[in-house]
Amino acid sequence: MLIGQHPVFNKLAERYFTLEDLFAIRGRLIGAGRIGGKAAGMLLARRILLTEKGENGFDFAERLEDHDSFYIGSDVFFTFLVNNDLFRLRLQLTRNSVISHEEFQEVEQRF
């Protein structure tokens, strides 16, 4: 419920995330719902690096800084879209993956 429903991703998440990891993610979630795919991927990649040794026994835990990210839940993002009259625009953009430079500038300005 927190990180999505992609089968391959979830298989890796089940292998690497601990219950404590999921509670820590939830503790830094603003709102409710799922976090975005990029954030979930970043968290999973970090957990893999912290769990697995690299080539020649390299320990990534010695190099990675503590992260201090917060995550915006899907409910907050959708509320933002609706309250700012951006929801229809988002639907249009997801249907048409190619937009002109001018259209992108308009979207950027409206956001």
PDB file of N, CA and C in Angstrom:
ATOM      1  N   MET A   1       0.818  -1.207   0.000  1.00  0.00           N
ATOM      2  CA  MET A   1       0.000   0.000   0.000  1.00  0.00           C
ATOM      3  C   MET A   1       0.852   1.256   0.000  1.00  0.00           C
ATOM      4  N   LEU A   2       2.068   1.159   0.465  1.00  0.00           N
ATOM      5  CA  LEU A   2       2.921   2.336   0.594  1.00  0.00           C
ATOM      6  C   LEU A   2       3.757   2.594  -0.651  1.00  0.00           C
ATOM      7  N   ILE A   3       4.187   1.526  -1.320  1.00  0.00           N
ATOM      8  CA  ILE A   3       5.138   1.699  -2.417  1.00  0.00           C
ATOM      9  C   ILE A   3       4.637   1.227  -3.768  1.00  0.00           C
ATOM     10  N   GLY A   4       3.412   0.800  -3.885  1.00  0.00           N
ATOM     11  CA  GLY A   4       2.874   0.453  -5.194  1.00  0.00           C
ATOM     12  C   GLY A   4       2.631  -1.032  -5.380  1.00  0.00           C
ATOM     13  N   GLN A   5       2.339  -1.395  -6.625  1.00  0.00           N
ATOM     14  CA  GLN A   5       1.931  -2.772  -6.899  1.00  0.00           C
ATOM     15  C   GLN A   5       2.662  -3.383  -8.090  1.00  0.00           C
ATOM     16  N   HIS A   6       3.858  -2.939  -8.382  1.00  0.00           N
ATOM     17  CA  HIS A   6       4.610  -3.521  -9.485  1.00  0.00           C
ATOM     18  C   HIS A   6       5.227  -4.841  -9.012  1.00  0.00           C
ATOM     19  N   PRO A   7       4.905  -5.962  -9.669  1.00  0.00           N
ATOM     20  CA  PRO A   7       5.332  -7.291  -9.178  1.00  0.00           C
ATOM     21  C   PRO A   7       6.843  -7.449  -9.005  1.00  0.00           C
ATOM     22  N   VAL A   8       7.634  -6.999  -9.968  1.00  0.00           N
ATOM     23  CA  VAL A   8       9.088  -7.165  -9.862  1.00  0.00           C
ATOM     24  C   VAL A   8       9.634  -6.305  -8.729  1.00  0.00           C
ATOM     25  N   PHE A   9       9.164  -5.062  -8.659  1.00  0.00           N
ATOM     26  CA  PHE A   9       9.609  -4.169  -7.594  1.00  0.00           C
ATOM     27  C   PHE A   9       9.223  -4.744  -6.231  1.00  0.00           C
ATOM     28  N   ASN A  10       7.999  -5.226  -6.111  1.00  0.00           N
ATOM     29  CA  ASN A  10       7.537  -5.754  -4.823  1.00  0.00           C
ATOM     30  C   ASN A  10       8.322  -6.990  -4.398  1.00  0.00           C
ATOM     31  N   LYS A  11       8.750  -7.781  -5.356  1.00  0.00           N
ATOM     32  CA  LYS A  11       9.565  -8.956  -5.016  1.00  0.00           C
ATOM     33  C   LYS A  11      10.889  -8.507  -4.391  1.00  0.00           C
ATOM     34  N   LEU A  12      11.502  -7.503  -4.990  1.00  0.00           N
ATOM     35  CA  LEU A  12      12.738  -6.953  -4.408  1.00  0.00           C
ATOM     36  C   LEU A  12      12.472  -6.290  -3.062  1.00  0.00           C
ATOM     37  N   ALA A  13      11.370  -5.555  -2.972  1.00  0.00           N
ATOM     38  CA  ALA A  13      11.026  -4.884  -1.712  1.00  0.00           C
ATOM     39  C   ALA A  13      10.831  -5.899  -0.595  1.00  0.00           C
ATOM     40  N   GLU A  14      10.154  -6.989  -0.881  1.00  0.00           N
ATOM     41  CA  GLU A  14       9.956  -8.026   0.133  1.00  0.00           C
ATOM     42  C   GLU A  14      11.281  -8.643   0.570  1.00  0.00           C
ATOM     43  N   ARG A  15      12.211  -8.734  -0.362  1.00  0.00           N
ATOM     44  CA  ARG A  15      13.516  -9.325  -0.050  1.00  0.00           C
ATOM     45  C   ARG A  15      14.367  -8.392   0.809  1.00  0.00           C
ATOM     46  N   TYR A  16      14.331  -7.094   0.519  1.00  0.00           N
ATOM     47  CA  TYR A  16      15.288  -6.180   1.155  1.00  0.00           C
ATOM     48  C   TYR A  16      14.713  -5.294   2.259  1.00  0.00           C
ATOM     49  N   PHE A  17      13.486  -4.831   2.130  1.00  0.00           N
ATOM     50  CA  PHE A  17      12.935  -3.951   3.161  1.00  0.00           C
ATOM     51  C   PHE A  17      12.582  -4.745   4.406  1.00  0.00           C
ATOM     52  N   THR A  18      12.916  -4.162   5.542  1.00  0.00           N
ATOM     53  CA  THR A  18      12.488  -4.727   6.815  1.00  0.00           C
ATOM     54  C   THR A  18      11.223  -3.999   7.262  1.00  0.00           C
ATOM     55  N   LEU A  19      10.576  -4.532   8.246  1.00  0.00           N
ATOM     56  CA  LEU A  19       9.404  -3.860   8.808  1.00  0.00           C
ATOM     57  C   LEU A  19       9.803  -2.497   9.367  1.00  0.00           C
ATOM     58  N   GLU A  20      10.984  -2.425   9.974  1.00  0.00           N
ATOM     59  CA  GLU A  20      11.474  -1.151  10.494  1.00  0.00           C
ATOM     60  C   GLU A  20      11.665  -0.128   9.364  1.00  0.00           C
ATOM     61  N   ASP A  21      12.146  -0.590   8.202  1.00  0.00           N
ATOM     62  CA  ASP A  21      12.290   0.311   7.047  1.00  0.00           C
ATOM     63  C   ASP A  21      10.943   0.906   6.668  1.00  0.00           C
ATOM     64  N   LEU A  22       9.934   0.060   6.588  1.00  0.00           N
ATOM     65  CA  LEU A  22       8.605   0.526   6.181  1.00  0.00           C
ATOM     66  C   LEU A  22       8.016   1.498   7.198  1.00  0.00           C
ATOM     67  N   PHE A  23       8.230   1.228   8.482  1.00  0.00           N
ATOM     68  CA  PHE A  23       7.771   2.169   9.508  1.00  0.00           C
ATOM     69  C   PHE A  23       8.514   3.498   9.396  1.00  0.00           C
ATOM     70  N   ALA A  24       9.806   3.454   9.093  1.00  0.00           N
ATOM     71  CA  ALA A  24      10.594   4.683   8.943  1.00  0.00           C
ATOM     72  C   ALA A  24      10.102   5.492   7.744  1.00  0.00           C
ATOM     73  N   ILE A  25       9.790   4.806   6.646  1.00  0.00           N
ATOM     74  CA  ILE A  25       9.249   5.495   5.468  1.00  0.00           C
ATOM     75  C   ILE A  25       7.918   6.133   5.825  1.00  0.00           C
ATOM     76  N   ARG A  26       7.051   5.371   6.463  1.00  0.00           N
ATOM     77  CA  ARG A  26       5.727   5.893   6.848  1.00  0.00           C
ATOM     78  C   ARG A  26       5.863   7.086   7.785  1.00  0.00           C
ATOM     79  N   GLY A  27       6.871   7.071   8.640  1.00  0.00           N
ATOM     80  CA  GLY A  27       7.097   8.172   9.573  1.00  0.00           C
ATOM     81  C   GLY A  27       7.525   9.467   8.893  1.00  0.00           C
ATOM     82  N   ARG A  28       7.975   9.373   7.650  1.00  0.00           N
ATOM     83  CA  ARG A  28       8.418  10.555   6.913  1.00  0.00           C
ATOM     84  C   ARG A  28       7.481  10.867   5.750  1.00  0.00           C
ATOM     85  N   LEU A  29       6.298  10.261   5.762  1.00  0.00           N
ATOM     86  CA  LEU A  29       5.302  10.469   4.713  1.00  0.00           C
ATOM     87  C   LEU A  29       4.376  11.609   5.101  1.00  0.00           C
ATOM     88  N   ILE A  30       4.224  12.565   4.198  1.00  0.00           N
ATOM     89  CA  ILE A  30       3.290  13.665   4.402  1.00  0.00           C
ATOM     90  C   ILE A  30       1.992  13.259   3.729  1.00  0.00           C
ATOM     91  N   GLY A  31       0.936  13.128   4.505  1.00  0.00           N
ATOM     92  CA  GLY A  31      -0.343  12.667   3.971  1.00  0.00           C
ATOM     93  C   GLY A  31      -0.438  11.153   4.060  1.00  0.00           C
ATOM     94  N   ALA A  32      -1.146  10.591   3.097  1.00  0.00           N
ATOM     95  CA  ALA A  32      -1.342   9.142   3.072  1.00  0.00           C
ATOM     96  C   ALA A  32      -1.238   8.678   1.627  1.00  0.00           C
ATOM     97  N   GLY A  33      -1.473   7.424   1.423  1.00  0.00           N
ATOM     98  CA  GLY A  33      -1.399   6.886   0.076  1.00  0.00           C
ATOM     99  C   GLY A  33       0.000   6.425  -0.250  1.00  0.00           C
ATOM    100  N   ARG A  34       0.246   6.243  -1.523  1.00  0.00           N
ATOM    101  CA  ARG A  34       1.536   5.742  -1.986  1.00  0.00           C
ATOM    102  C   ARG A  34       2.519   6.884  -2.193  1.00  0.00           C
ATOM    103  N   ILE A  35       3.799   6.518  -2.079  1.00  0.00           N
ATOM    104  CA  ILE A  35       4.835   7.452  -2.481  1.00  0.00           C
ATOM    105  C   ILE A  35       5.126   7.192  -3.958  1.00  0.00           C
ATOM    106  N   GLY A  36       5.743   8.140  -4.607  1.00  0.00           N
ATOM    107  CA  GLY A  36       6.017   8.008  -6.036  1.00  0.00           C
ATOM    108  C   GLY A  36       7.031   6.921  -6.346  1.00  0.00           C
ATOM    109  N   GLY A  37       7.023   6.491  -7.581  1.00  0.00           N
ATOM    110  CA  GLY A  37       7.915   5.427  -8.028  1.00  0.00           C
ATOM    111  C   GLY A  37       9.387   5.765  -7.900  1.00  0.00           C
ATOM    112  N   LYS A  38       9.746   7.012  -8.175  1.00  0.00           N
ATOM    113  CA  LYS A  38      11.151   7.407  -8.062  1.00  0.00           C
ATOM    114  C   LYS A  38      11.604   7.346  -6.607  1.00  0.00           C
ATOM    115  N   ALA A  39      10.775   7.841  -5.707  1.00  0.00           N
ATOM    116  CA  ALA A  39      11.126   7.802  -4.285  1.00  0.00           C
ATOM    117  C   ALA A  39      11.224   6.357  -3.793  1.00  0.00           C
ATOM    118  N   ALA A  40      10.278   5.525  -4.198  1.00  0.00           N
ATOM    119  CA  ALA A  40      10.317   4.118  -3.788  1.00  0.00           C
ATOM    120  C   ALA A  40      11.564   3.435  -4.344  1.00  0.00           C
ATOM    121  N   GLY A  41      11.898   3.723  -5.592  1.00  0.00           N
ATOM    122  CA  GLY A  41      13.090   3.139  -6.193  1.00  0.00           C
ATOM    123  C   GLY A  41      14.360   3.585  -5.505  1.00  0.00           C
ATOM    124  N   MET A  42      14.421   4.869  -5.139  1.00  0.00           N
ATOM    125  CA  MET A  42      15.575   5.393  -4.432  1.00  0.00           C
ATOM    126  C   MET A  42      15.740   4.691  -3.073  1.00  0.00           C
ATOM    127  N   LEU A  43      14.636   4.529  -2.372  1.00  0.00           N
ATOM    128  CA  LEU A  43      14.694   3.876  -1.064  1.00  0.00           C
ATOM    129  C   LEU A  43      15.119   2.411  -1.180  1.00  0.00           C
ATOM    130  N   LEU A  44      14.594   1.732  -2.187  1.00  0.00           N
ATOM    131  CA  LEU A  44      14.957   0.333  -2.381  1.00  0.00           C
ATOM    132  C   LEU A  44      16.428   0.208  -2.787  1.00  0.00           C
ATOM    133  N   ALA A  45      16.882   1.059  -3.695  1.00  0.00           N
ATOM    134  CA  ALA A  45      18.290   1.015  -4.110  1.00  0.00           C
ATOM    135  C   ALA A  45      19.205   1.260  -2.917  1.00  0.00           C
ATOM    136  N   ARG A  46      18.830   2.207  -2.085  1.00  0.00           N
ATOM    137  CA  ARG A  46      19.628   2.494  -0.887  1.00  0.00           C
ATOM    138  C   ARG A  46      19.678   1.283   0.039  1.00  0.00           C
ATOM    139  N   ARG A  47      18.528   0.639   0.238  1.00  0.00           N
ATOM    140  CA  ARG A  47      18.478  -0.527   1.122  1.00  0.00           C
ATOM    141  C   ARG A  47      19.338  -1.663   0.566  1.00  0.00           C
ATOM    142  N   ILE A  48      19.310  -1.865  -0.759  1.00  0.00           N
ATOM    143  CA  ILE A  48      20.132  -2.907  -1.374  1.00  0.00           C
ATOM    144  C   ILE A  48      21.609  -2.599  -1.164  1.00  0.00           C
ATOM    145  N   LEU A  49      22.002  -1.343  -1.395  1.00  0.00           N
ATOM    146  CA  LEU A  49      23.401  -0.963  -1.198  1.00  0.00           C
ATOM    147  C   LEU A  49      23.843  -1.150   0.251  1.00  0.00           C
ATOM    148  N   LEU A  50      22.965  -0.881   1.187  1.00  0.00           N
ATOM    149  CA  LEU A  50      23.304  -1.041   2.600  1.00  0.00           C
ATOM    150  C   LEU A  50      23.342  -2.512   3.020  1.00  0.00           C
ATOM    151  N   THR A  51      22.634  -3.350   2.289  1.00  0.00           N
ATOM    152  CA  THR A  51      22.535  -4.768   2.645  1.00  0.00           C
ATOM    153  C   THR A  51      23.626  -5.607   1.986  1.00  0.00           C
ATOM    154  N   GLU A  52      23.887  -5.345   0.722  1.00  0.00           N
ATOM    155  CA  GLU A  52      24.824  -6.158  -0.062  1.00  0.00           C
ATOM    156  C   GLU A  52      26.202  -5.503  -0.091  1.00  0.00           C
ATOM    157  N   LYS A  53      27.228  -6.308  -0.061  1.00  0.00           N
ATOM    158  CA  LYS A  53      28.587  -5.811  -0.242  1.00  0.00           C
ATOM    159  C   LYS A  53      28.857  -5.661  -1.734  1.00  0.00           C
ATOM    160  N   GLY A  54      29.641  -4.662  -2.084  1.00  0.00           N
ATOM    161  CA  GLY A  54      30.013  -4.459  -3.472  1.00  0.00           C
ATOM    162  C   GLY A  54      31.172  -5.351  -3.858  1.00  0.00           C
ATOM    163  N   GLU A  55      31.700  -5.097  -5.044  1.00  0.00           N
ATOM    164  CA  GLU A  55      32.865  -5.859  -5.493  1.00  0.00           C
ATOM    165  C   GLU A  55      33.998  -5.692  -4.491  1.00  0.00           C
ATOM    166  N   ASN A  56      34.773  -6.745  -4.325  1.00  0.00           N
ATOM    167  CA  ASN A  56      35.917  -6.740  -3.395  1.00  0.00           C
ATOM    168  C   ASN A  56      35.494  -6.417  -1.969  1.00  0.00           C
ATOM    169  N   GLY A  57      34.236  -6.719  -1.626  1.00  0.00           N
ATOM    170  CA  GLY A  57      33.764  -6.507  -0.265  1.00  0.00           C
ATOM    171  C   GLY A  57      33.514  -5.060   0.106  1.00  0.00           C
ATOM    172  N   PHE A  58      33.377  -4.187  -0.889  1.00  0.00           N
ATOM    173  CA  PHE A  58      33.159  -2.761  -0.616  1.00  0.00           C
ATOM    174  C   PHE A  58      31.884  -2.577   0.185  1.00  0.00           C
ATOM    175  N   ASP A  59      31.969  -1.825   1.266  1.00  0.00           N
ATOM    176  CA  ASP A  59      30.824  -1.583   2.145  1.00  0.00           C
ATOM    177  C   ASP A  59      30.263  -0.182   1.876  1.00  0.00           C
ATOM    178  N   PHE A  60      29.126  -0.136   1.191  1.00  0.00           N
ATOM    179  CA  PHE A  60      28.505   1.147   0.859  1.00  0.00           C
ATOM    180  C   PHE A  60      28.034   1.888   2.100  1.00  0.00           C
ATOM    181  N   ALA A  61      27.760   1.182   3.176  1.00  0.00           N
ATOM    182  CA  ALA A  61      27.286   1.819   4.408  1.00  0.00           C
ATOM    183  C   ALA A  61      28.298   2.826   4.934  1.00  0.00           C
ATOM    184  N   GLU A  62      29.570   2.608   4.616  1.00  0.00           N
ATOM    185  CA  GLU A  62      30.602   3.548   5.061  1.00  0.00           C
ATOM    186  C   GLU A  62      30.578   4.847   4.257  1.00  0.00           C
ATOM    187  N   ARG A  63      29.959   4.839   3.082  1.00  0.00           N
ATOM    188  CA  ARG A  63      29.967   5.999   2.192  1.00  0.00           C
ATOM    189  C   ARG A  63      28.637   6.745   2.137  1.00  0.00           C
ATOM    190  N   LEU A  64      27.531   6.047   2.335  1.00  0.00           N
ATOM    191  CA  LEU A  64      26.219   6.677   2.214  1.00  0.00           C
ATOM    192  C   LEU A  64      25.895   7.498   3.455  1.00  0.00           C
ATOM    193  N   GLU A  65      25.462   8.720   3.217  1.00  0.00           N
ATOM    194  CA  GLU A  65      25.028   9.555   4.329  1.00  0.00           C
ATOM    195  C   GLU A  65      23.617   9.158   4.733  1.00  0.00           C
ATOM    196  N   ASP A  66      23.251   9.477   5.962  1.00  0.00           N
ATOM    197  CA  ASP A  66      21.870   9.280   6.376  1.00  0.00           C
ATOM    198  C   ASP A  66      20.982  10.140   5.493  1.00  0.00           C
ATOM    199  N   HIS A  67      19.851   9.583   5.091  1.00  0.00           N
ATOM    200  CA  HIS A  67      18.971  10.410   4.268  1.00  0.00           C
ATOM    201  C   HIS A  67      17.962  11.095   5.172  1.00  0.00           C
ATOM    202  N   ASP A  68      17.500  12.249   4.706  1.00  0.00           N
ATOM    203  CA  ASP A  68      16.561  13.045   5.499  1.00  0.00           C
ATOM    204  C   ASP A  68      15.366  13.466   4.654  1.00  0.00           C
ATOM    205  N   SER A  69      15.003  12.624   3.716  1.00  0.00           N
ATOM    206  CA  SER A  69      13.908  12.932   2.796  1.00  0.00           C
ATOM    207  C   SER A  69      12.551  12.768   3.458  1.00  0.00           C
ATOM    208  N   PHE A  70      11.610  13.554   2.967  1.00  0.00           N
ATOM    209  CA  PHE A  70      10.208  13.366   3.285  1.00  0.00           C
ATOM    210  C   PHE A  70       9.508  13.020   1.983  1.00  0.00           C
ATOM    211  N   TYR A  71       8.369  12.367   2.083  1.00  0.00           N
ATOM    212  CA  TYR A  71       7.668  11.875   0.900  1.00  0.00           C
ATOM    213  C   TYR A  71       6.246  12.396   0.899  1.00  0.00           C
ATOM    214  N   ILE A  72       5.814  12.886  -0.250  1.00  0.00           N
ATOM    215  CA  ILE A  72       4.458  13.405  -0.374  1.00  0.00           C
ATOM    216  C   ILE A  72       3.566  12.270  -0.836  1.00  0.00           C
ATOM    217  N   GLY A  73       2.572  11.942  -0.037  1.00  0.00           N
ATOM    218  CA  GLY A  73       1.645  10.870  -0.385  1.00  0.00           C
ATOM    219  C   GLY A  73       0.767  11.243  -1.562  1.00  0.00           C
ATOM    220  N   SER A  74       0.278  10.238  -2.244  1.00  0.00           N
ATOM    221  CA  SER A  74      -0.533  10.472  -3.438  1.00  0.00           C
ATOM    222  C   SER A  74      -1.776  11.297  -3.133  1.00  0.00           C
ATOM    223  N   ASP A  75      -2.334  11.165  -1.935  1.00  0.00           N
ATOM    224  CA  ASP A  75      -3.533  11.952  -1.612  1.00  0.00           C
ATOM    225  C   ASP A  75      -3.230  13.439  -1.585  1.00  0.00           C
ATOM    226  N   VAL A  76      -2.077  13.818  -1.077  1.00  0.00           N
ATOM    227  CA  VAL A  76      -1.698  15.231  -1.019  1.00  0.00           C
ATOM    228  C   VAL A  76      -1.460  15.760  -2.429  1.00  0.00           C
ATOM    229  N   PHE A  77      -0.798  14.968  -3.261  1.00  0.00           N
ATOM    230  CA  PHE A  77      -0.526  15.393  -4.632  1.00  0.00           C
ATOM    231  C   PHE A  77      -1.826  15.587  -5.405  1.00  0.00           C
ATOM    232  N   PHE A  78      -2.753  14.632  -5.296  1.00  0.00           N
ATOM    233  CA  PHE A  78      -4.025  14.763  -6.016  1.00  0.00           C
ATOM    234  C   PHE A  78      -4.866  15.919  -5.485  1.00  0.00           C
ATOM    235  N   THR A  79      -4.816  16.154  -4.190  1.00  0.00           N
ATOM    236  CA  THR A  79      -5.519  17.303  -3.619  1.00  0.00           C
ATOM    237  C   THR A  79      -4.943  18.602  -4.172  1.00  0.00           C
ATOM    238  N   PHE A  80      -3.624  18.676  -4.279  1.00  0.00           N
ATOM    239  CA  PHE A  80      -2.975  19.839  -4.881  1.00  0.00           C
ATOM    240  C   PHE A  80      -3.468  20.045  -6.314  1.00  0.00           C
ATOM    241  N   LEU A  81      -3.521  18.960  -7.094  1.00  0.00           N
ATOM    242  CA  LEU A  81      -3.971  19.064  -8.482  1.00  0.00           C
ATOM    243  C   LEU A  81      -5.408  19.578  -8.563  1.00  0.00           C
ATOM    244  N   VAL A  82      -6.279  19.023  -7.749  1.00  0.00           N
ATOM    245  CA  VAL A  82      -7.689  19.415  -7.786  1.00  0.00           C
ATOM    246  C   VAL A  82      -7.855  20.858  -7.316  1.00  0.00           C
ATOM    247  N   ASN A  83      -7.239  21.216  -6.207  1.00  0.00           N
ATOM    248  CA  ASN A  83      -7.386  22.568  -5.659  1.00  0.00           C
ATOM    249  C   ASN A  83      -6.828  23.650  -6.569  1.00  0.00           C
ATOM    250  N   ASN A  84      -5.916  23.293  -7.436  1.00  0.00           N
ATOM    251  CA  ASN A  84      -5.293  24.266  -8.330  1.00  0.00           C
ATOM    252  C   ASN A  84      -5.719  24.091  -9.781  1.00  0.00           C
ATOM    253  N   ASP A  85      -6.825  23.389  -9.958  1.00  0.00           N
ATOM    254  CA  ASP A  85      -7.405  23.182 -11.290  1.00  0.00           C
ATOM    255  C   ASP A  85      -6.378  22.615 -12.282  1.00  0.00           C
ATOM    256  N   LEU A  86      -5.600  21.646 -11.822  1.00  0.00           N
ATOM    257  CA  LEU A  86      -4.571  21.029 -12.652  1.00  0.00           C
ATOM    258  C   LEU A  86      -4.872  19.568 -12.983  1.00  0.00           C
ATOM    259  N   PHE A  87      -5.944  19.027 -12.444  1.00  0.00           N
ATOM    260  CA  PHE A  87      -6.202  17.596 -12.619  1.00  0.00           C
ATOM    261  C   PHE A  87      -6.464  17.252 -14.083  1.00  0.00           C
ATOM    262  N   ARG A  88      -7.305  18.040 -14.760  1.00  0.00           N
ATOM    263  CA  ARG A  88      -7.577  17.777 -16.186  1.00  0.00           C
ATOM    264  C   ARG A  88      -6.313  17.893 -17.023  1.00  0.00           C
ATOM    265  N   LEU A  89      -5.501  18.870 -16.690  1.00  0.00           N
ATOM    266  CA  LEU A  89      -4.244  19.047 -17.404  1.00  0.00           C
ATOM    267  C   LEU A  89      -3.351  17.809 -17.238  1.00  0.00           C
ATOM    268  N   ARG A  90      -3.312  17.274 -16.037  1.00  0.00           N
ATOM    269  CA  ARG A  90      -2.521  16.059 -15.802  1.00  0.00           C
ATOM    270  C   ARG A  90      -3.049  14.904 -16.644  1.00  0.00           C
ATOM    271  N   LEU A  91      -4.354  14.759 -16.705  1.00  0.00           N
ATOM    272  CA  LEU A  91      -4.935  13.693 -17.530  1.00  0.00           C
ATOM    273  C   LEU A  91      -4.564  13.862 -18.994  1.00  0.00           C
ATOM    274  N   GLN A  92      -4.620  15.094 -19.486  1.00  0.00           N
ATOM    275  CA  GLN A  92      -4.244  15.352 -20.876  1.00  0.00           C
ATOM    276  C   GLN A  92      -2.788  14.986 -21.125  1.00  0.00           C
ATOM    277  N   LEU A  93      -1.929  15.337 -20.190  1.00  0.00           N
ATOM    278  CA  LEU A  93      -0.500  15.059 -20.357  1.00  0.00           C
ATOM    279  C   LEU A  93      -0.200  13.571 -20.317  1.00  0.00           C
ATOM    280  N   THR A  94      -0.925  12.826 -19.502  1.00  0.00           N
ATOM    281  CA  THR A  94      -0.668  11.389 -19.436  1.00  0.00           C
ATOM    282  C   THR A  94      -1.182  10.679 -20.677  1.00  0.00           C
ATOM    283  N   ARG A  95      -2.199  11.224 -21.329  1.00  0.00           N
ATOM    284  CA  ARG A  95      -2.704  10.631 -22.573  1.00  0.00           C
ATOM    285  C   ARG A  95      -1.776  10.922 -23.745  1.00  0.00           C
ATOM    286  N   ASN A  96      -1.190  12.114 -23.757  1.00  0.00           N
ATOM    287  CA  ASN A  96      -0.329  12.530 -24.853  1.00  0.00           C
ATOM    288  C   ASN A  96       1.074  12.751 -24.288  1.00  0.00           C
ATOM    289  N   SER A  97       1.954  11.784 -24.472  1.00  0.00           N
ATOM    290  CA  SER A  97       3.271  11.867 -23.843  1.00  0.00           C
ATOM    291  C   SER A  97       4.210  12.857 -24.532  1.00  0.00           C
ATOM    292  N   VAL A  98       3.829  13.363 -25.703  1.00  0.00           N
ATOM    293  CA  VAL A  98       4.656  14.334 -26.415  1.00  0.00           C
ATOM    294  C   VAL A  98       3.979  15.701 -26.324  1.00  0.00           C
ATOM    295  N   ILE A  99       4.682  16.651 -25.719  1.00  0.00           N
ATOM    296  CA  ILE A  99       4.137  18.008 -25.642  1.00  0.00           C
ATOM    297  C   ILE A  99       5.184  18.972 -26.187  1.00  0.00           C
ATOM    298  N   SER A 100       4.712  20.080 -26.679  1.00  0.00           N
ATOM    299  CA  SER A 100       5.614  21.088 -27.237  1.00  0.00           C
ATOM    300  C   SER A 100       6.300  21.852 -26.104  1.00  0.00           C
ATOM    301  N   HIS A 101       7.321  22.585 -26.490  1.00  0.00           N
ATOM    302  CA  HIS A 101       8.047  23.416 -25.526  1.00  0.00           C
ATOM    303  C   HIS A 101       7.113  24.452 -24.905  1.00  0.00           C
ATOM    304  N   GLU A 102       6.232  25.029 -25.715  1.00  0.00           N
ATOM    305  CA  GLU A 102       5.294  26.046 -25.228  1.00  0.00           C
ATOM    306  C   GLU A 102       4.307  25.434 -24.234  1.00  0.00           C
ATOM    307  N   GLU A 103       3.815  24.229 -24.550  1.00  0.00           N
ATOM    308  CA  GLU A 103       2.894  23.547 -23.633  1.00  0.00           C
ATOM    309  C   GLU A 103       3.596  23.235 -22.320  1.00  0.00           C
ATOM    310  N   PHE A 104       4.847  22.803 -22.400  1.00  0.00           N
ATOM    311  CA  PHE A 104       5.586  22.508 -21.183  1.00  0.00           C
ATOM    312  C   PHE A 104       5.760  23.763 -20.337  1.00  0.00           C
ATOM    313  N   GLN A 105       6.083  24.891 -20.973  1.00  0.00           N
ATOM    314  CA  GLN A 105       6.229  26.138 -20.232  1.00  0.00           C
ATOM    315  C   GLN A 105       4.934  26.524 -19.539  1.00  0.00           C
ATOM    316  N   GLU A 106       3.792  26.291 -20.208  1.00  0.00           N
ATOM    317  CA  GLU A 106       2.500  26.594 -19.595  1.00  0.00           C
ATOM    318  C   GLU A 106       2.274  25.711 -18.365  1.00  0.00           C
ATOM    319  N   VAL A 107       2.560  24.437 -18.507  1.00  0.00           N
ATOM    320  CA  VAL A 107       2.396  23.503 -17.390  1.00  0.00           C
ATOM    321  C   VAL A 107       3.304  23.926 -16.233  1.00  0.00           C
ATOM    322  N   GLU A 108       4.531  24.222 -16.552  1.00  0.00           N
ATOM    323  CA  GLU A 108       5.498  24.628 -15.524  1.00  0.00           C
ATOM    324  C   GLU A 108       5.008  25.877 -14.796  1.00  0.00           C
ATOM    325  N   GLN A 109       4.499  26.851 -15.544  1.00  0.00           N
ATOM    326  CA  GLN A 109       4.012  28.088 -14.936  1.00  0.00           C
ATOM    327  C   GLN A 109       2.800  27.817 -14.055  1.00  0.00           C
ATOM    328  N   ARG A 110       1.892  26.970 -14.524  1.00  0.00           N
ATOM    329  CA  ARG A 110       0.694  26.688 -13.727  1.00  0.00           C
ATOM    330  C   ARG A 110       1.040  25.949 -12.436  1.00  0.00           C
ATOM    331  N   PHE A 111       2.026  25.059 -12.498  1.00  0.00           N
ATOM    332  CA  PHE A 111       2.436  24.383 -11.278  1.00  0.00           C
ATOM    333  C   PHE A 111       3.136  25.360 -10.339  1.00  0.00           C
TER     334      PHE A 111
END
